Amino acid sequence: VQGELFGGRPADLEACITGVGLQRRVRAAGAKAHGADAWLPKQLAGLPLEWFELLARIWRIVLRGGAFPKAWASVRVCLIPKHDGTSNRRPIGVASICWRAGMGVLVKALTPWIQTWLDPDISSGPAREGTTTLEAMLGELADAKDGGAALFGGKIDLSKCFDRCHWERSLRILERFGLPPAFSNVVRAFYQ
């Protein structure tokens, strides 16, 4: 019931995981980095569709609560330069392309459901038609000022936001919105 209140029912995730969808994701990753398994996307992209169909079968088993491939949870950590004018570096984790491709397919399948309850002005998705988020916000502020409304402002520094978001808390919130248990269980298996 809560899922329906907060945006209806999300897609059937098992049906969304197909060999074709996984193959597209891997090909789109092109020259991106490999995870701890050293499988480069460009190397896997040349495998036949049958290989991706087998990978889709593994993903469907995992979504049903089957064994989670431990290799998917192994992450290669790289240090990349910060763009703050210093020589500081920040860590970034790179997971297996099999994990990234499958999660990409699942997130894409969940996007229509997410867009039913997430305001486009606070997401990285498409902004209002014909405007950017900043343009829309400035327009709303100008309208409020012209209408004589009192204006208040605030600023939030999101630079360290993701350092402070705990994955379990985020999952529990999304579950209240109707996130399918199969998705949350897969994410939990990855982090545990």
C-alpha atoms as a PDB file:
ATOM      1  CA  VAL A   1       0.000   0.000   0.000  1.00  0.00           C
ATOM      2  CA  GLN A   2       2.771   2.472   0.862  1.00  0.00           C
ATOM      3  CA  GLY A   3       4.378   1.875  -2.527  1.00  0.00           C
ATOM      4  CA  GLU A   4       1.106   2.839  -4.198  1.00  0.00           C
ATOM      5  CA  LEU A   5       0.820   5.997  -2.087  1.00  0.00           C
ATOM      6  CA  PHE A   6       4.346   7.044  -2.991  1.00  0.00           C
ATOM      7  CA  GLY A   7       4.274   6.386  -6.714  1.00  0.00           C
ATOM      8  CA  GLY A   8       2.691   3.108  -7.734  1.00  0.00           C
ATOM      9  CA  ARG A   9       4.391  -0.138  -8.395  1.00  0.00           C
ATOM     10  CA  PRO A  10       7.895  -0.405  -9.804  1.00  0.00           C
ATOM     11  CA  ALA A  11       8.769  -2.634 -12.737  1.00  0.00           C
ATOM     12  CA  ASP A  12       9.129  -6.419 -12.491  1.00  0.00           C
ATOM     13  CA  LEU A  13      12.880  -6.513 -12.026  1.00  0.00           C
ATOM     14  CA  GLU A  14      13.393 -10.119 -13.066  1.00  0.00           C
ATOM     15  CA  ALA A  15      11.693  -9.479 -16.396  1.00  0.00           C
ATOM     16  CA  CYS A  16      13.912  -6.438 -16.969  1.00  0.00           C
ATOM     17  CA  ILE A  17      17.181  -8.362 -16.746  1.00  0.00           C
ATOM     18  CA  THR A  18      17.846  -9.662 -20.251  1.00  0.00           C
ATOM     19  CA  GLY A  19      20.936 -10.648 -22.159  1.00  0.00           C
ATOM     20  CA  VAL A  20      20.303  -7.868 -24.660  1.00  0.00           C
ATOM     21  CA  GLY A  21      19.999  -5.251 -21.894  1.00  0.00           C
ATOM     22  CA  LEU A  22      23.198  -6.416 -20.196  1.00  0.00           C
ATOM     23  CA  GLN A  23      25.061  -6.509 -23.495  1.00  0.00           C
ATOM     24  CA  ARG A  24      23.976  -2.922 -24.247  1.00  0.00           C
ATOM     25  CA  ARG A  25      25.169  -1.757 -20.832  1.00  0.00           C
ATOM     26  CA  VAL A  26      28.554  -3.413 -21.238  1.00  0.00           C
ATOM     27  CA  ARG A  27      28.989  -1.978 -24.729  1.00  0.00           C
ATOM     28  CA  ALA A  28      28.006   1.486 -23.459  1.00  0.00           C
ATOM     29  CA  ALA A  29      30.714   1.213 -20.784  1.00  0.00           C
ATOM     30  CA  GLY A  30      33.263   1.017 -23.619  1.00  0.00           C
ATOM     31  CA  ALA A  31      36.675   2.107 -22.402  1.00  0.00           C
ATOM     32  CA  LYS A  32      35.744   2.489 -18.740  1.00  0.00           C
ATOM     33  CA  ALA A  33      37.877   0.935 -16.022  1.00  0.00           C
ATOM     34  CA  HIS A  34      37.804  -2.632 -14.807  1.00  0.00           C
ATOM     35  CA  GLY A  35      36.942  -3.786 -11.320  1.00  0.00           C
ATOM     36  CA  ALA A  36      38.974  -6.127  -9.090  1.00  0.00           C
ATOM     37  CA  ASP A  37      38.199  -8.982 -11.501  1.00  0.00           C
ATOM     38  CA  ALA A  38      40.201  -7.160 -14.262  1.00  0.00           C
ATOM     39  CA  TRP A  39      37.396  -7.686 -16.817  1.00  0.00           C
ATOM     40  CA  LEU A  40      37.398  -4.635 -19.067  1.00  0.00           C
ATOM     41  CA  PRO A  41      34.016  -3.691 -20.546  1.00  0.00           C
ATOM     42  CA  LYS A  42      35.519  -3.495 -24.042  1.00  0.00           C
ATOM     43  CA  GLN A  43      36.738  -7.096 -23.694  1.00  0.00           C
ATOM     44  CA  LEU A  44      33.356  -8.411 -22.557  1.00  0.00           C
ATOM     45  CA  ALA A  45      31.512  -6.400 -25.203  1.00  0.00           C
ATOM     46  CA  GLY A  46      32.769  -8.782 -27.875  1.00  0.00           C
ATOM     47  CA  LEU A  47      31.281 -11.873 -26.240  1.00  0.00           C
ATOM     48  CA  PRO A  48      28.257 -13.466 -27.929  1.00  0.00           C
ATOM     49  CA  LEU A  49      24.701 -12.729 -26.832  1.00  0.00           C
ATOM     50  CA  GLU A  50      24.480 -16.254 -25.372  1.00  0.00           C
ATOM     51  CA  TRP A  51      27.081 -15.286 -22.762  1.00  0.00           C
ATOM     52  CA  PHE A  52      24.975 -12.294 -21.735  1.00  0.00           C
ATOM     53  CA  GLU A  53      21.853 -14.504 -21.576  1.00  0.00           C
ATOM     54  CA  LEU A  54      23.711 -16.709 -19.082  1.00  0.00           C
ATOM     55  CA  LEU A  55      24.694 -13.609 -17.103  1.00  0.00           C
ATOM     56  CA  ALA A  56      21.014 -12.557 -17.121  1.00  0.00           C
ATOM     57  CA  ARG A  57      20.085 -15.980 -15.710  1.00  0.00           C
ATOM     58  CA  ILE A  58      22.585 -15.473 -12.879  1.00  0.00           C
ATOM     59  CA  TRP A  59      21.111 -12.028 -12.175  1.00  0.00           C
ATOM     60  CA  ARG A  60      17.557 -13.453 -12.054  1.00  0.00           C
ATOM     61  CA  ILE A  61      18.696 -16.148  -9.598  1.00  0.00           C
ATOM     62  CA  VAL A  62      20.319 -13.476  -7.420  1.00  0.00           C
ATOM     63  CA  LEU A  63      17.122 -11.378  -7.540  1.00  0.00           C
ATOM     64  CA  ARG A  64      15.155 -14.419  -6.319  1.00  0.00           C
ATOM     65  CA  GLY A  65      17.440 -14.608  -3.292  1.00  0.00           C
ATOM     66  CA  GLY A  66      20.011 -17.006  -4.691  1.00  0.00           C
ATOM     67  CA  ALA A  67      23.713 -16.935  -3.936  1.00  0.00           C
ATOM     68  CA  PHE A  68      25.374 -13.605  -4.624  1.00  0.00           C
ATOM     69  CA  PRO A  69      28.634 -13.890  -6.637  1.00  0.00           C
ATOM     70  CA  LYS A  70      31.362 -12.720  -4.267  1.00  0.00           C
ATOM     71  CA  ALA A  71      33.452 -11.433  -7.181  1.00  0.00           C
ATOM     72  CA  TRP A  72      30.776  -8.796  -7.828  1.00  0.00           C
ATOM     73  CA  ALA A  73      31.357  -7.320  -4.375  1.00  0.00           C
ATOM     74  CA  SER A  74      35.124  -7.020  -4.782  1.00  0.00           C
ATOM     75  CA  VAL A  75      35.922  -3.413  -5.556  1.00  0.00           C
ATOM     76  CA  ARG A  76      39.126  -1.901  -6.911  1.00  0.00           C
ATOM     77  CA  VAL A  77      39.897   1.420  -5.234  1.00  0.00           C
ATOM     78  CA  CYS A  78      41.657   4.129  -7.256  1.00  0.00           C
ATOM     79  CA  LEU A  79      42.822   7.543  -6.151  1.00  0.00           C
ATOM     80  CA  ILE A  80      41.803  10.305  -8.512  1.00  0.00           C
ATOM     81  CA  PRO A  81      42.783  13.989  -8.324  1.00  0.00           C
ATOM     82  CA  LYS A  82      40.432  16.401  -6.623  1.00  0.00           C
ATOM     83  CA  HIS A  83      39.540  19.442  -8.673  1.00  0.00           C
ATOM     84  CA  ASP A  84      40.196  21.878  -5.852  1.00  0.00           C
ATOM     85  CA  GLY A  85      43.533  23.313  -6.946  1.00  0.00           C
ATOM     86  CA  THR A  86      45.496  21.062  -4.591  1.00  0.00           C
ATOM     87  CA  SER A  87      47.366  17.824  -5.105  1.00  0.00           C
ATOM     88  CA  ASN A  88      44.804  16.009  -2.925  1.00  0.00           C
ATOM     89  CA  ARG A  89      43.195  12.835  -4.189  1.00  0.00           C
ATOM     90  CA  ARG A  90      39.922  11.138  -3.440  1.00  0.00           C
ATOM     91  CA  PRO A  91      39.193   7.427  -3.515  1.00  0.00           C
ATOM     92  CA  ILE A  92      36.740   5.945  -5.970  1.00  0.00           C
ATOM     93  CA  GLY A  93      35.640   2.327  -5.985  1.00  0.00           C
ATOM     94  CA  VAL A  94      35.236   0.451  -9.262  1.00  0.00           C
ATOM     95  CA  ALA A  95      33.083  -2.666  -9.114  1.00  0.00           C
ATOM     96  CA  SER A  96      32.921  -5.563 -11.554  1.00  0.00           C
ATOM     97  CA  ILE A  97      31.403  -4.757 -14.947  1.00  0.00           C
ATOM     98  CA  CYS A  98      28.944  -7.630 -14.380  1.00  0.00           C
ATOM     99  CA  TRP A  99      27.660  -5.814 -11.268  1.00  0.00           C
ATOM    100  CA  ARG A 100      27.644  -2.389 -12.921  1.00  0.00           C
ATOM    101  CA  ALA A 101      25.818  -3.633 -16.019  1.00  0.00           C
ATOM    102  CA  GLY A 102      23.142  -5.454 -14.019  1.00  0.00           C
ATOM    103  CA  MET A 103      22.573  -2.580 -11.629  1.00  0.00           C
ATOM    104  CA  GLY A 104      22.410  -0.205 -14.588  1.00  0.00           C
ATOM    105  CA  VAL A 105      19.617  -2.288 -16.122  1.00  0.00           C
ATOM    106  CA  LEU A 106      17.761  -2.444 -12.794  1.00  0.00           C
ATOM    107  CA  VAL A 107      18.059   1.289 -12.070  1.00  0.00           C
ATOM    108  CA  LYS A 108      16.859   2.095 -15.593  1.00  0.00           C
ATOM    109  CA  ALA A 109      13.857  -0.175 -14.993  1.00  0.00           C
ATOM    110  CA  LEU A 110      13.122   1.646 -11.715  1.00  0.00           C
ATOM    111  CA  THR A 111      13.463   5.143 -13.222  1.00  0.00           C
ATOM    112  CA  PRO A 112       9.785   5.567 -14.270  1.00  0.00           C
ATOM    113  CA  TRP A 113       8.710   4.574 -10.740  1.00  0.00           C
ATOM    114  CA  ILE A 114      11.255   6.947  -9.165  1.00  0.00           C
ATOM    115  CA  GLN A 115      10.051   9.815 -11.356  1.00  0.00           C
ATOM    116  CA  THR A 116       6.516   9.401  -9.988  1.00  0.00           C
ATOM    117  CA  TRP A 117       7.586  10.584  -6.540  1.00  0.00           C
ATOM    118  CA  LEU A 118      10.948  12.368  -6.939  1.00  0.00           C
ATOM    119  CA  ASP A 119      10.699  16.026  -7.867  1.00  0.00           C
ATOM    120  CA  PRO A 120      12.764  16.544 -11.032  1.00  0.00           C
ATOM    121  CA  ASP A 121      14.268  19.715  -9.559  1.00  0.00           C
ATOM    122  CA  ILE A 122      16.125  17.705  -6.905  1.00  0.00           C
ATOM    123  CA  SER A 123      17.263  14.834  -9.058  1.00  0.00           C
ATOM    124  CA  SER A 124      19.911  14.573 -11.721  1.00  0.00           C
ATOM    125  CA  GLY A 125      17.269  13.504 -14.191  1.00  0.00           C
ATOM    126  CA  PRO A 126      15.686  15.636 -16.869  1.00  0.00           C
ATOM    127  CA  ALA A 127      14.788  19.162 -15.773  1.00  0.00           C
ATOM    128  CA  ARG A 128      11.497  20.784 -16.595  1.00  0.00           C
ATOM    129  CA  GLU A 129      10.834  20.918 -20.290  1.00  0.00           C
ATOM    130  CA  GLY A 130      12.886  23.666 -21.907  1.00  0.00           C
ATOM    131  CA  THR A 131      14.588  24.858 -18.731  1.00  0.00           C
ATOM    132  CA  THR A 132      17.418  23.943 -16.457  1.00  0.00           C
ATOM    133  CA  THR A 133      16.862  23.519 -12.744  1.00  0.00           C
ATOM    134  CA  LEU A 134      18.627  26.826 -12.058  1.00  0.00           C
ATOM    135  CA  GLU A 135      16.468  28.654 -14.612  1.00  0.00           C
ATOM    136  CA  ALA A 136      13.324  27.168 -13.093  1.00  0.00           C
ATOM    137  CA  MET A 137      14.390  28.139  -9.568  1.00  0.00           C
ATOM    138  CA  LEU A 138      15.255  31.706 -10.599  1.00  0.00           C
ATOM    139  CA  GLY A 139      11.916  32.003 -12.379  1.00  0.00           C
ATOM    140  CA  GLU A 140      10.066  30.854  -9.255  1.00  0.00           C
ATOM    141  CA  LEU A 141      11.998  33.362  -7.134  1.00  0.00           C
ATOM    142  CA  ALA A 142      11.187  36.205  -9.551  1.00  0.00           C
ATOM    143  CA  ASP A 143       7.498  35.219  -9.573  1.00  0.00           C
ATOM    144  CA  ALA A 144       7.453  35.144  -5.764  1.00  0.00           C
ATOM    145  CA  LYS A 145       9.113  38.557  -5.565  1.00  0.00           C
ATOM    146  CA  ASP A 146       6.722  40.055  -8.134  1.00  0.00           C
ATOM    147  CA  GLY A 147       3.817  38.640  -6.141  1.00  0.00           C
ATOM    148  CA  GLY A 148       5.013  40.324  -2.952  1.00  0.00           C
ATOM    149  CA  ALA A 149       5.899  37.076  -1.199  1.00  0.00           C
ATOM    150  CA  ALA A 150       8.539  37.086   1.511  1.00  0.00           C
ATOM    151  CA  LEU A 151      11.707  35.450   0.229  1.00  0.00           C
ATOM    152  CA  PHE A 152      13.951  33.261   2.311  1.00  0.00           C
ATOM    153  CA  GLY A 153      17.157  31.604   1.210  1.00  0.00           C
ATOM    154  CA  GLY A 154      19.450  28.908   2.332  1.00  0.00           C
ATOM    155  CA  LYS A 155      22.473  27.057   1.096  1.00  0.00           C
ATOM    156  CA  ILE A 156      23.430  23.491   1.683  1.00  0.00           C
ATOM    157  CA  ASP A 157      26.961  22.318   0.984  1.00  0.00           C
ATOM    158  CA  LEU A 158      26.558  18.920  -0.647  1.00  0.00           C
ATOM    159  CA  SER A 159      30.269  18.406  -1.280  1.00  0.00           C
ATOM    160  CA  LYS A 160      30.519  15.703   1.379  1.00  0.00           C
ATOM    161  CA  CYS A 161      26.922  14.512   1.187  1.00  0.00           C
ATOM    162  CA  PHE A 162      27.699  11.035  -0.083  1.00  0.00           C
ATOM    163  CA  ASP A 163      30.351  10.551   2.594  1.00  0.00           C
ATOM    164  CA  ARG A 164      27.575  10.843   5.157  1.00  0.00           C
ATOM    165  CA  CYS A 165      24.776   8.829   3.531  1.00  0.00           C
ATOM    166  CA  HIS A 166      24.674   5.340   4.948  1.00  0.00           C
ATOM    167  CA  TRP A 167      23.525   2.803   2.375  1.00  0.00           C
ATOM    168  CA  GLU A 168      21.305   0.894   4.833  1.00  0.00           C
ATOM    169  CA  ARG A 169      19.410   4.031   5.878  1.00  0.00           C
ATOM    170  CA  SER A 170      18.951   4.989   2.226  1.00  0.00           C
ATOM    171  CA  LEU A 171      17.577   1.526   1.428  1.00  0.00           C
ATOM    172  CA  ARG A 172      15.116   1.652   4.340  1.00  0.00           C
ATOM    173  CA  ILE A 173      13.803   5.018   3.131  1.00  0.00           C
ATOM    174  CA  LEU A 174      13.430   3.754  -0.438  1.00  0.00           C
ATOM    175  CA  GLU A 175      11.664   0.613   0.838  1.00  0.00           C
ATOM    176  CA  ARG A 176       9.092   2.867   2.516  1.00  0.00           C
ATOM    177  CA  PHE A 177       8.490   4.362  -0.924  1.00  0.00           C
ATOM    178  CA  GLY A 178       7.960   0.880  -2.369  1.00  0.00           C
ATOM    179  CA  LEU A 179      11.414  -0.220  -3.543  1.00  0.00           C
ATOM    180  CA  PRO A 180      11.161  -3.916  -4.441  1.00  0.00           C
ATOM    181  CA  PRO A 181      12.703  -6.168  -1.767  1.00  0.00           C
ATOM    182  CA  ALA A 182      14.647  -8.016  -4.478  1.00  0.00           C
ATOM    183  CA  PHE A 183      16.555  -4.806  -5.285  1.00  0.00           C
ATOM    184  CA  SER A 184      17.295  -3.967  -1.657  1.00  0.00           C
ATOM    185  CA  ASN A 185      18.412  -7.532  -0.957  1.00  0.00           C
ATOM    186  CA  VAL A 186      20.872  -7.427  -3.855  1.00  0.00           C
ATOM    187  CA  VAL A 187      22.309  -4.105  -2.648  1.00  0.00           C
ATOM    188  CA  ARG A 188      22.602  -5.474   0.894  1.00  0.00           C
ATOM    189  CA  ALA A 189      24.412  -8.562  -0.406  1.00  0.00           C
ATOM    190  CA  PHE A 190      26.868  -6.284  -2.244  1.00  0.00           C
ATOM    191  CA  TYR A 191      27.708  -4.253   0.862  1.00  0.00           C
ATOM    192  CA  GLN A 192      27.838  -7.139   3.339  1.00  0.00           C
END
